[in-house]
């Protein structure tokens, strides 16, 4: 049981360090880089121009608003 509490404590500390908005930005940057690399290699005639969809306008750092 003591090991379970230790792991739970480690996960709780790690959770506090997470930043959903930064993670989302990193995922988009990596996806963009991957798409650029794939299209450069397999479709050299038409270069990749970036993602056409930006996602939702509300990031995790946007404070919630109250509906009236």
N, C-alpha and C. Protein backbone atom coordinates (compact mmCIF):
# COMPACT_ATOMS: atom_id res chain seq x y z
N UNK A 1 0.81 -1.20 0.00
CA UNK A 1 0.00 0.00 0.00
C UNK A 1 0.86 1.27 0.00
N UNK A 2 2.04 1.22 0.64
CA UNK A 2 2.90 2.39 0.71
C UNK A 2 3.41 2.80 -0.66
N UNK A 3 3.66 1.79 -1.51
CA UNK A 3 4.14 2.09 -2.86
C UNK A 3 3.06 2.81 -3.67
N UNK A 4 1.83 2.42 -3.47
CA UNK A 4 0.72 3.06 -4.18
C UNK A 4 0.60 4.53 -3.80
N UNK A 5 0.78 4.84 -2.51
CA UNK A 5 0.72 6.24 -2.07
C UNK A 5 1.87 7.04 -2.66
N UNK A 6 3.04 6.41 -2.76
CA UNK A 6 4.21 7.10 -3.32
C UNK A 6 3.96 7.44 -4.79
N UNK A 7 3.42 6.48 -5.54
CA UNK A 7 3.14 6.71 -6.96
C UNK A 7 2.05 7.77 -7.11
N UNK A 8 1.04 7.70 -6.27
CA UNK A 8 -0.04 8.70 -6.31
C UNK A 8 0.52 10.09 -6.05
N UNK A 9 1.43 10.20 -5.09
CA UNK A 9 2.06 11.49 -4.79
C UNK A 9 2.88 12.00 -5.96
N UNK A 10 3.62 11.10 -6.61
CA UNK A 10 4.42 11.50 -7.77
C UNK A 10 3.51 11.99 -8.90
N UNK A 11 2.43 11.27 -9.15
CA UNK A 11 1.49 11.69 -10.20
C UNK A 11 0.84 13.03 -9.87
N UNK A 12 0.50 13.24 -8.61
CA UNK A 12 -0.11 14.51 -8.21
C UNK A 12 0.87 15.67 -8.42
N UNK A 13 2.13 15.47 -8.07
CA UNK A 13 3.14 16.52 -8.28
C UNK A 13 3.35 16.78 -9.77
N UNK A 14 3.36 15.72 -10.57
CA UNK A 14 3.53 15.89 -12.01
C UNK A 14 2.34 16.62 -12.62
N UNK A 15 1.14 16.31 -12.16
CA UNK A 15 -0.08 16.96 -12.66
C UNK A 15 -0.01 18.47 -12.48
N UNK A 16 0.55 18.92 -11.38
CA UNK A 16 0.64 20.35 -11.10
C UNK A 16 1.57 21.07 -12.08
N UNK A 17 2.48 20.32 -12.73
CA UNK A 17 3.41 20.94 -13.67
C UNK A 17 2.87 21.01 -15.09
N UNK A 18 1.73 20.37 -15.36
CA UNK A 18 1.20 20.32 -16.72
C UNK A 18 0.57 21.66 -17.12
N UNK A 19 0.76 22.01 -18.37
CA UNK A 19 0.17 23.23 -18.93
C UNK A 19 -0.54 22.82 -20.23
N UNK A 20 -1.86 22.66 -20.20
CA UNK A 20 -2.58 22.19 -21.38
C UNK A 20 -2.40 23.07 -22.61
N UNK A 21 -2.33 24.36 -22.43
CA UNK A 21 -2.16 25.26 -23.58
C UNK A 21 -0.80 25.07 -24.23
N UNK A 22 0.24 24.94 -23.42
CA UNK A 22 1.58 24.72 -23.96
C UNK A 22 1.67 23.36 -24.64
N UNK A 23 1.04 22.36 -24.06
CA UNK A 23 1.02 21.03 -24.66
C UNK A 23 0.33 21.07 -26.02
N UNK A 24 -0.76 21.79 -26.09
CA UNK A 24 -1.49 21.92 -27.36
C UNK A 24 -0.63 22.61 -28.42
N UNK A 25 0.05 23.69 -28.03
CA UNK A 25 0.93 24.39 -28.97
C UNK A 25 2.05 23.49 -29.45
N UNK A 26 2.61 22.70 -28.55
CA UNK A 26 3.70 21.79 -28.92
C UNK A 26 3.19 20.71 -29.88
N UNK A 27 2.01 20.18 -29.63
CA UNK A 27 1.44 19.16 -30.52
C UNK A 27 1.22 19.75 -31.91
N UNK A 28 0.70 20.97 -31.99
CA UNK A 28 0.49 21.61 -33.29
C UNK A 28 1.81 21.85 -34.01
N UNK A 29 2.83 22.29 -33.29
CA UNK A 29 4.13 22.53 -33.91
C UNK A 29 4.74 21.23 -34.43
N UNK A 30 4.64 20.17 -33.64
CA UNK A 30 5.19 18.88 -34.06
C UNK A 30 4.41 18.32 -35.25
N UNK A 31 3.09 18.48 -35.24
CA UNK A 31 2.26 18.01 -36.35
C UNK A 31 2.62 18.77 -37.62
N UNK A 32 2.82 20.06 -37.48
CA UNK A 32 3.21 20.90 -38.62
C UNK A 32 4.56 20.46 -39.18
N UNK A 33 5.52 20.21 -38.29
CA UNK A 33 6.85 19.77 -38.72
C UNK A 33 6.78 18.40 -39.41
N UNK A 34 5.98 17.50 -38.87
CA UNK A 34 5.82 16.18 -39.48
C UNK A 34 5.19 16.29 -40.86
N UNK A 35 4.13 17.09 -40.98
CA UNK A 35 3.47 17.26 -42.28
C UNK A 35 4.43 17.87 -43.30
N UNK A 36 5.24 18.82 -42.88
CA UNK A 36 6.22 19.43 -43.77
C UNK A 36 7.21 18.39 -44.26
N UNK A 37 7.70 17.57 -43.35
CA UNK A 37 8.68 16.54 -43.70
C UNK A 37 8.08 15.50 -44.64
N UNK A 38 6.86 15.07 -44.36
CA UNK A 38 6.22 14.05 -45.20
C UNK A 38 5.94 14.59 -46.59
N UNK A 39 5.39 15.79 -46.67
CA UNK A 39 5.08 16.33 -47.99
C UNK A 39 6.34 16.67 -48.77
N UNK A 40 7.40 17.05 -48.09
CA UNK A 40 8.67 17.34 -48.77
C UNK A 40 9.21 16.07 -49.40
N UNK A 41 9.06 14.96 -48.69
CA UNK A 41 9.63 13.69 -49.17
C UNK A 41 8.75 13.04 -50.24
N UNK A 42 7.45 13.01 -50.05
CA UNK A 42 6.57 12.27 -50.94
C UNK A 42 5.89 13.13 -52.00
N UNK A 43 5.78 14.42 -51.77
CA UNK A 43 5.14 15.32 -52.73
C UNK A 43 6.01 16.55 -52.96
N UNK A 44 7.17 16.37 -53.58
CA UNK A 44 8.11 17.51 -53.70
C UNK A 44 7.62 18.63 -54.62
N UNK A 45 6.61 18.36 -55.47
CA UNK A 45 6.13 19.37 -56.41
C UNK A 45 5.32 20.44 -55.70
N UNK A 46 4.49 20.04 -54.73
CA UNK A 46 3.59 20.96 -54.05
C UNK A 46 4.02 21.05 -52.57
N UNK A 47 4.72 22.11 -52.17
CA UNK A 47 5.19 22.19 -50.79
C UNK A 47 4.04 22.39 -49.80
N UNK A 48 4.26 21.95 -48.59
CA UNK A 48 3.28 22.09 -47.52
C UNK A 48 3.16 23.54 -47.09
N UNK A 49 1.95 24.04 -46.93
CA UNK A 49 1.71 25.44 -46.59
C UNK A 49 1.21 25.66 -45.17
N UNK A 50 1.22 24.65 -44.34
CA UNK A 50 0.77 24.82 -42.96
C UNK A 50 -0.64 24.30 -42.76
N UNK A 51 -1.01 24.19 -41.52
CA UNK A 51 -2.34 23.70 -41.19
C UNK A 51 -3.38 24.73 -41.59
N UNK A 52 -4.50 24.26 -42.14
CA UNK A 52 -5.54 25.20 -42.55
C UNK A 52 -6.54 25.47 -41.44
N UNK A 53 -6.58 24.61 -40.44
CA UNK A 53 -7.52 24.77 -39.33
C UNK A 53 -6.72 25.10 -38.07
N UNK A 54 -7.14 26.11 -37.35
CA UNK A 54 -6.39 26.54 -36.17
C UNK A 54 -6.91 25.95 -34.87
N UNK A 55 -8.05 25.30 -34.90
CA UNK A 55 -8.59 24.73 -33.67
C UNK A 55 -9.58 25.67 -33.01
N UNK A 56 -9.90 25.37 -31.77
CA UNK A 56 -10.89 26.18 -31.06
C UNK A 56 -10.27 27.48 -30.59
N UNK A 57 -11.06 28.55 -30.52
CA UNK A 57 -10.53 29.83 -30.09
C UNK A 57 -10.29 29.91 -28.58
N UNK A 58 -10.80 28.96 -27.82
CA UNK A 58 -10.66 29.00 -26.37
C UNK A 58 -9.56 28.05 -25.92
N UNK A 59 -8.46 28.59 -25.47
CA UNK A 59 -7.39 27.75 -24.95
C UNK A 59 -7.61 27.50 -23.49
N UNK A 60 -6.82 26.62 -22.94
CA UNK A 60 -6.97 26.24 -21.54
C UNK A 60 -6.68 27.41 -20.61
N UNK A 61 -5.95 28.41 -21.09
CA UNK A 61 -5.62 29.54 -20.23
C UNK A 61 -6.71 30.60 -20.21
N UNK A 62 -7.71 30.46 -21.08
CA UNK A 62 -8.81 31.41 -21.10
C UNK A 62 -9.71 31.14 -19.89
N UNK A 63 -9.93 32.14 -19.05
CA UNK A 63 -10.77 31.91 -17.87
C UNK A 63 -12.21 31.66 -18.28
N UNK A 64 -12.91 30.81 -17.56
CA UNK A 64 -14.32 30.55 -17.90
C UNK A 64 -15.17 31.79 -17.63
N UNK A 65 -16.20 31.93 -18.45
CA UNK A 65 -17.13 33.06 -18.27
C UNK A 65 -18.47 32.50 -17.81
N UNK A 66 -19.20 33.34 -17.16
CA UNK A 66 -20.51 32.93 -16.64
C UNK A 66 -21.59 33.24 -17.66
N UNK A 67 -22.43 32.27 -17.92
CA UNK A 67 -23.54 32.52 -18.85
C UNK A 67 -24.63 33.31 -18.13
N UNK A 68 -25.26 34.24 -18.84
CA UNK A 68 -26.32 35.02 -18.20
C UNK A 68 -27.66 34.41 -18.47
